[in-house]
Amino acid sequence: MKKKSYAMDYDELLRGIEIIGEDLDFLCSLAESPSDEYQIPDAVEYSLAVIALTDQLAFMTQDLATSKLSEDGNHVILTKEQVDKMNDLYEVVEEALVRLRKCGISIQIN
């Protein structure tokens, strides 16, 4: 029996990598160049958010970006396991960002 495969638009993958990179850059800038305007009120929640985004970015750039492309080159071919992992990482990131927002830091606003 052949494994079921899934496809993700290649441009959407690249855009996702870009957005996650920007979010991670913003969070890292808070520690690299602290200011009075943006304080890190909870280092643990901040660190968990940075780790979650880093894990998600690593998965997208190392695992998904090296997957096979469709014949037309417009889609990345994914396995069910990759789709499940991508969804799990997304949920971890969202939970971490919700906790971070409760501390007063929102990457969606900033």
N, C-alpha and C. Protein backbone atom coordinates (compact mmCIF):
# COMPACT_ATOMS: atom_id res chain seq x y z
N MET A 1 0.84 -1.19 0.00
CA MET A 1 0.00 0.00 0.00
C MET A 1 0.88 1.25 0.00
N LYS A 2 0.58 2.15 -0.88
CA LYS A 2 1.36 3.38 -1.02
C LYS A 2 0.97 4.38 0.07
N LYS A 3 1.99 5.05 0.62
CA LYS A 3 1.73 6.07 1.64
C LYS A 3 1.06 7.27 1.01
N LYS A 4 0.10 7.82 1.72
CA LYS A 4 -0.58 9.02 1.25
C LYS A 4 0.35 10.21 1.39
N SER A 5 0.36 11.07 0.40
CA SER A 5 1.20 12.26 0.47
C SER A 5 0.32 13.51 0.37
N TYR A 6 0.88 14.60 0.81
CA TYR A 6 0.19 15.89 0.85
C TYR A 6 1.06 16.90 0.13
N ALA A 7 0.47 18.00 -0.26
CA ALA A 7 1.24 19.04 -0.95
C ALA A 7 1.01 20.39 -0.27
N MET A 8 2.06 21.16 -0.25
CA MET A 8 2.00 22.52 0.29
C MET A 8 2.59 23.45 -0.77
N ASP A 9 1.93 24.55 -1.02
CA ASP A 9 2.41 25.51 -1.99
C ASP A 9 3.82 25.97 -1.59
N TYR A 10 4.76 25.90 -2.51
CA TYR A 10 6.15 26.24 -2.22
C TYR A 10 6.29 27.69 -1.77
N ASP A 11 5.57 28.60 -2.43
CA ASP A 11 5.64 30.01 -2.05
C ASP A 11 5.09 30.24 -0.64
N GLU A 12 4.07 29.48 -0.26
CA GLU A 12 3.53 29.59 1.10
C GLU A 12 4.54 29.10 2.14
N LEU A 13 5.28 28.05 1.80
CA LEU A 13 6.33 27.58 2.70
C LEU A 13 7.38 28.66 2.89
N LEU A 14 7.81 29.27 1.79
CA LEU A 14 8.81 30.34 1.88
C LEU A 14 8.28 31.53 2.67
N ARG A 15 7.03 31.87 2.46
CA ARG A 15 6.42 33.00 3.20
C ARG A 15 6.34 32.66 4.69
N GLY A 16 5.97 31.43 5.02
CA GLY A 16 5.93 31.01 6.42
C GLY A 16 7.29 31.10 7.07
N ILE A 17 8.33 30.67 6.35
CA ILE A 17 9.70 30.75 6.87
C ILE A 17 10.07 32.22 7.11
N GLU A 18 9.69 33.08 6.19
CA GLU A 18 9.99 34.51 6.32
C GLU A 18 9.29 35.12 7.55
N ILE A 19 8.02 34.80 7.73
CA ILE A 19 7.25 35.35 8.86
C ILE A 19 7.81 34.86 10.19
N ILE A 20 8.09 33.56 10.28
CA ILE A 20 8.63 33.01 11.52
C ILE A 20 10.00 33.63 11.81
N GLY A 21 10.80 33.81 10.78
CA GLY A 21 12.11 34.45 10.96
C GLY A 21 11.98 35.86 11.47
N GLU A 22 11.02 36.61 10.94
CA GLU A 22 10.79 37.99 11.40
C GLU A 22 10.33 38.00 12.86
N ASP A 23 9.43 37.09 13.21
CA ASP A 23 8.95 37.01 14.59
C ASP A 23 10.09 36.68 15.54
N LEU A 24 10.91 35.75 15.13
CA LEU A 24 12.05 35.34 15.95
C LEU A 24 13.06 36.48 16.07
N ASP A 25 13.31 37.18 14.98
CA ASP A 25 14.21 38.34 15.02
C ASP A 25 13.70 39.40 16.00
N PHE A 26 12.40 39.66 15.97
CA PHE A 26 11.83 40.66 16.88
C PHE A 26 12.04 40.23 18.33
N LEU A 27 11.71 38.99 18.64
CA LEU A 27 11.86 38.53 20.02
C LEU A 27 13.33 38.58 20.45
N CYS A 28 14.22 38.15 19.59
CA CYS A 28 15.64 38.16 19.94
C CYS A 28 16.16 39.59 20.12
N SER A 29 15.62 40.53 19.36
CA SER A 29 16.06 41.92 19.49
C SER A 29 15.71 42.49 20.87
N LEU A 30 14.68 41.96 21.50
CA LEU A 30 14.31 42.43 22.84
C LEU A 30 15.41 42.11 23.85
N ALA A 31 16.09 41.00 23.67
CA ALA A 31 17.17 40.62 24.57
C ALA A 31 18.50 41.23 24.13
N GLU A 32 18.69 41.34 22.81
CA GLU A 32 19.95 41.85 22.28
C GLU A 32 20.08 43.36 22.46
N SER A 33 18.99 44.08 22.34
CA SER A 33 19.00 45.54 22.46
C SER A 33 17.82 45.97 23.33
N PRO A 34 17.92 45.74 24.63
CA PRO A 34 16.80 46.09 25.52
C PRO A 34 16.49 47.59 25.49
N SER A 35 15.22 47.89 25.64
CA SER A 35 14.80 49.29 25.70
C SER A 35 13.76 49.44 26.79
N ASP A 36 13.51 50.68 27.16
CA ASP A 36 12.49 50.94 28.17
C ASP A 36 11.09 50.62 27.65
N GLU A 37 10.92 50.76 26.32
CA GLU A 37 9.60 50.53 25.71
C GLU A 37 9.22 49.05 25.72
N TYR A 38 10.17 48.19 25.46
CA TYR A 38 9.90 46.75 25.39
C TYR A 38 10.73 46.02 26.44
N GLN A 39 10.11 45.68 27.52
CA GLN A 39 10.76 44.93 28.59
C GLN A 39 10.37 43.46 28.49
N ILE A 40 11.20 42.60 29.03
CA ILE A 40 10.89 41.18 29.10
C ILE A 40 10.46 40.90 30.53
N PRO A 41 9.14 40.88 30.79
CA PRO A 41 8.65 40.73 32.16
C PRO A 41 8.79 39.31 32.72
N ASP A 42 8.82 38.31 31.86
CA ASP A 42 8.92 36.92 32.31
C ASP A 42 9.91 36.19 31.41
N ALA A 43 11.12 35.99 31.91
CA ALA A 43 12.18 35.39 31.11
C ALA A 43 11.85 33.96 30.70
N VAL A 44 11.14 33.23 31.53
CA VAL A 44 10.80 31.84 31.21
C VAL A 44 9.83 31.79 30.03
N GLU A 45 8.76 32.57 30.09
CA GLU A 45 7.79 32.57 28.99
C GLU A 45 8.43 33.10 27.71
N TYR A 46 9.28 34.10 27.84
CA TYR A 46 10.01 34.64 26.69
C TYR A 46 10.87 33.54 26.06
N SER A 47 11.62 32.83 26.89
CA SER A 47 12.50 31.77 26.40
C SER A 47 11.71 30.65 25.73
N LEU A 48 10.59 30.28 26.33
CA LEU A 48 9.77 29.22 25.74
C LEU A 48 9.25 29.63 24.36
N ALA A 49 8.89 30.90 24.20
CA ALA A 49 8.43 31.39 22.89
C ALA A 49 9.56 31.37 21.87
N VAL A 50 10.75 31.79 22.27
CA VAL A 50 11.90 31.78 21.37
C VAL A 50 12.23 30.34 20.96
N ILE A 51 12.21 29.43 21.90
CA ILE A 51 12.50 28.02 21.60
C ILE A 51 11.44 27.44 20.65
N ALA A 52 10.17 27.74 20.90
CA ALA A 52 9.09 27.22 20.05
C ALA A 52 9.23 27.73 18.62
N LEU A 53 9.51 29.01 18.46
CA LEU A 53 9.69 29.57 17.12
C LEU A 53 10.93 29.00 16.45
N THR A 54 11.99 28.81 17.21
CA THR A 54 13.22 28.24 16.66
C THR A 54 12.98 26.82 16.18
N ASP A 55 12.27 26.03 16.97
CA ASP A 55 11.96 24.65 16.57
C ASP A 55 11.12 24.63 15.30
N GLN A 56 10.13 25.52 15.23
CA GLN A 56 9.27 25.58 14.05
C GLN A 56 10.07 26.00 12.82
N LEU A 57 10.92 27.00 12.97
CA LEU A 57 11.74 27.47 11.85
C LEU A 57 12.72 26.38 11.40
N ALA A 58 13.32 25.69 12.34
CA ALA A 58 14.26 24.62 12.00
C ALA A 58 13.54 23.51 11.23
N PHE A 59 12.36 23.14 11.66
CA PHE A 59 11.61 22.10 10.97
C PHE A 59 11.29 22.53 9.54
N MET A 60 10.85 23.77 9.39
CA MET A 60 10.47 24.24 8.06
C MET A 60 11.68 24.38 7.13
N THR A 61 12.81 24.82 7.66
CA THR A 61 13.97 25.04 6.79
C THR A 61 14.80 23.78 6.59
N GLN A 62 14.79 22.88 7.55
CA GLN A 62 15.62 21.69 7.42
C GLN A 62 14.83 20.48 6.93
N ASP A 63 13.63 20.28 7.42
CA ASP A 63 12.86 19.09 7.04
C ASP A 63 11.97 19.36 5.82
N LEU A 64 11.15 20.38 5.92
CA LEU A 64 10.19 20.62 4.83
C LEU A 64 10.86 21.16 3.58
N ALA A 65 11.81 22.05 3.75
CA ALA A 65 12.44 22.67 2.58
C ALA A 65 13.28 21.69 1.77
N THR A 66 13.61 20.55 2.36
CA THR A 66 14.39 19.55 1.62
C THR A 66 13.50 18.43 1.07
N SER A 67 12.20 18.57 1.23
CA SER A 67 11.27 17.57 0.68
C SER A 67 11.21 17.69 -0.84
N LYS A 68 10.74 16.64 -1.47
CA LYS A 68 10.61 16.64 -2.92
C LYS A 68 9.58 17.67 -3.36
N LEU A 69 9.77 18.17 -4.56
CA LEU A 69 8.83 19.10 -5.16
C LEU A 69 7.94 18.36 -6.15
N SER A 70 6.78 18.93 -6.40
CA SER A 70 5.89 18.39 -7.43
C SER A 70 6.57 18.56 -8.79
N GLU A 71 6.05 17.89 -9.78
CA GLU A 71 6.65 17.95 -11.12
C GLU A 71 6.74 19.37 -11.64
N ASP A 72 5.75 20.21 -11.34
CA ASP A 72 5.78 21.59 -11.81
C ASP A 72 6.61 22.50 -10.91
N GLY A 73 7.07 21.98 -9.77
CA GLY A 73 7.92 22.75 -8.86
C GLY A 73 7.17 23.75 -8.01
N ASN A 74 5.85 23.72 -8.05
CA ASN A 74 5.05 24.70 -7.30
C ASN A 74 4.64 24.22 -5.92
N HIS A 75 4.82 22.93 -5.64
CA HIS A 75 4.37 22.38 -4.37
C HIS A 75 5.44 21.49 -3.75
N VAL A 76 5.50 21.52 -2.43
CA VAL A 76 6.37 20.64 -1.68
C VAL A 76 5.54 19.42 -1.32
N ILE A 77 6.06 18.23 -1.57
CA ILE A 77 5.35 17.00 -1.26
C ILE A 77 5.68 16.61 0.19
N LEU A 78 4.65 16.42 0.99
CA LEU A 78 4.81 16.13 2.41
C LEU A 78 4.17 14.80 2.76
N THR A 79 4.71 14.17 3.79
CA THR A 79 4.11 12.96 4.33
C THR A 79 3.10 13.36 5.41
N LYS A 80 2.27 12.43 5.79
CA LYS A 80 1.32 12.68 6.88
C LYS A 80 2.07 13.03 8.16
N GLU A 81 3.19 12.35 8.39
CA GLU A 81 3.99 12.62 9.59
C GLU A 81 4.51 14.06 9.59
N GLN A 82 4.93 14.57 8.44
CA GLN A 82 5.39 15.95 8.35
C GLN A 82 4.25 16.93 8.60
N VAL A 83 3.08 16.63 8.05
CA VAL A 83 1.92 17.50 8.27
C VAL A 83 1.55 17.51 9.75
N ASP A 84 1.54 16.33 10.37
CA ASP A 84 1.22 16.25 11.80
C ASP A 84 2.25 17.01 12.64
N LYS A 85 3.53 16.86 12.31
CA LYS A 85 4.58 17.56 13.05
C LYS A 85 4.44 19.07 12.88
N MET A 86 4.14 19.51 11.66
CA MET A 86 3.96 20.93 11.40
C MET A 86 2.80 21.48 12.23
N ASN A 87 1.71 20.73 12.31
CA ASN A 87 0.56 21.15 13.11
C ASN A 87 0.90 21.18 14.60
N ASP A 88 1.63 20.17 15.07
CA ASP A 88 2.03 20.14 16.48
C ASP A 88 2.91 21.34 16.82
N LEU A 89 3.87 21.63 15.97
CA LEU A 89 4.76 22.78 16.21
C LEU A 89 3.98 24.08 16.20
N TYR A 90 3.02 24.20 15.28
CA TYR A 90 2.18 25.40 15.22
C TYR A 90 1.42 25.59 16.53
N GLU A 91 0.86 24.52 17.05
CA GLU A 91 0.12 24.61 18.31
C GLU A 91 1.02 25.00 19.47
N VAL A 92 2.23 24.46 19.52
CA VAL A 92 3.18 24.81 20.58
C VAL A 92 3.54 26.29 20.49
N VAL A 93 3.78 26.78 19.27
CA VAL A 93 4.10 28.20 19.08
C VAL A 93 2.93 29.07 19.52
N GLU A 94 1.74 28.73 19.09
CA GLU A 94 0.57 29.54 19.44
C GLU A 94 0.36 29.59 20.96
N GLU A 95 0.51 28.46 21.62
CA GLU A 95 0.37 28.43 23.08
C GLU A 95 1.44 29.29 23.75
N ALA A 96 2.66 29.22 23.27
CA ALA A 96 3.75 30.02 23.83
C ALA A 96 3.50 31.51 23.61
N LEU A 97 2.99 31.87 22.44
CA LEU A 97 2.74 33.28 22.15
C LEU A 97 1.56 33.82 22.94
N VAL A 98 0.57 32.98 23.22
CA VAL A 98 -0.55 33.41 24.07
C VAL A 98 -0.03 33.72 25.47
N ARG A 99 0.81 32.85 26.00
CA ARG A 99 1.38 33.08 27.33
C ARG A 99 2.26 34.33 27.33
N LEU A 100 2.99 34.55 26.25
CA LEU A 100 3.85 35.73 26.14
C LEU A 100 3.01 37.01 26.07
N ARG A 101 1.88 36.95 25.36
CA ARG A 101 0.98 38.11 25.28
C ARG A 101 0.45 38.48 26.67
N LYS A 102 0.20 37.47 27.48
CA LYS A 102 -0.27 37.73 28.85
C LYS A 102 0.78 38.47 29.66
N CYS A 103 2.04 38.35 29.24
CA CYS A 103 3.13 39.07 29.90
C CYS A 103 3.35 40.45 29.30
N GLY A 104 2.60 40.79 28.26
CA GLY A 104 2.70 42.13 27.67
C GLY A 104 3.51 42.20 26.40
N ILE A 105 3.94 41.08 25.82
CA ILE A 105 4.70 41.09 24.58
C ILE A 105 3.88 40.39 23.51
N SER A 106 3.63 41.11 22.43
CA SER A 106 2.85 40.53 21.32
C SER A 106 3.59 40.76 20.02
N ILE A 107 3.97 39.69 19.35
CA ILE A 107 4.63 39.85 18.07
C ILE A 107 3.64 40.27 16.99
N GLN A 108 2.35 40.00 17.21
CA GLN A 108 1.35 40.38 16.22
C GLN A 108 1.13 41.88 16.22
N ILE A 109 1.32 42.53 17.36
CA ILE A 109 1.17 43.99 17.43
C ILE A 109 2.46 44.67 17.03
N ASN A 110 3.58 44.11 17.49
CA ASN A 110 4.87 44.75 17.25
C ASN A 110 5.39 44.42 15.87
